[in-house]
Amino acid sequence: MLGSISLDINNNYVPIELINVKNEQSILTLLKPLKKIHSKIQILSYLSEWCPDCINQISSLSKIYDDYKNFDLTMRIVMDYAQKKASEKFIKNNDISIPYSFGELFEKDELLRLKTEFYKFRKTVNDNRKWGVPFHFIIFNNQISKVGIIKGEFNDAEIRTYFLKNL
């Protein structure tokens, strides 16, 4: 681990944690939705339609996307652990304009979850939450060897401050 980015904002949210990617192939699989996208900052958010924290986070995520989409920032959502129709309904009902794709698992199944690349990767970064969503990847200057992760909800003010310093 490289540490976390501290912006002197006092909150109960999860800070951005910088990691060195040990198993580059595992993260390449997870970051596939960003494969051909080049921008200064890329955010990939793993969410589930039934997750209370994801529901709480989605309006901030959408607002950030709307505010920064014309800058050198790219965002994508991966909907996981739910049927495609339920995920699509979540996207539509929340009026989300962020491009999205589907994850590895189309149901909330604890045993199948253990076999996913997402679960395996989360364990390498000590994310011991049961389902691990929301989970955000932040890629800096297309360098996947050094990645920012947020294991849970981010603080809107903290992430905006970070963008203003780095865009």
Foldseek 3Di string as FASTA:
>chain_A
DQAFDDPPDDDPFFTWGKDFDPPLVLVCVVCVVCVPPFFQKEKEWEAELVDPLRLVQVVLVQVVCVVPVVHRYAYEYEYEAAAPVSVVCSCVVVVHPHHYYYADHHHNDQVVLCVGSVNVVCVVVVLPDSNQPGKMWMDGRNDPRMIIIGRTHDDSVVVVVVVVVRD
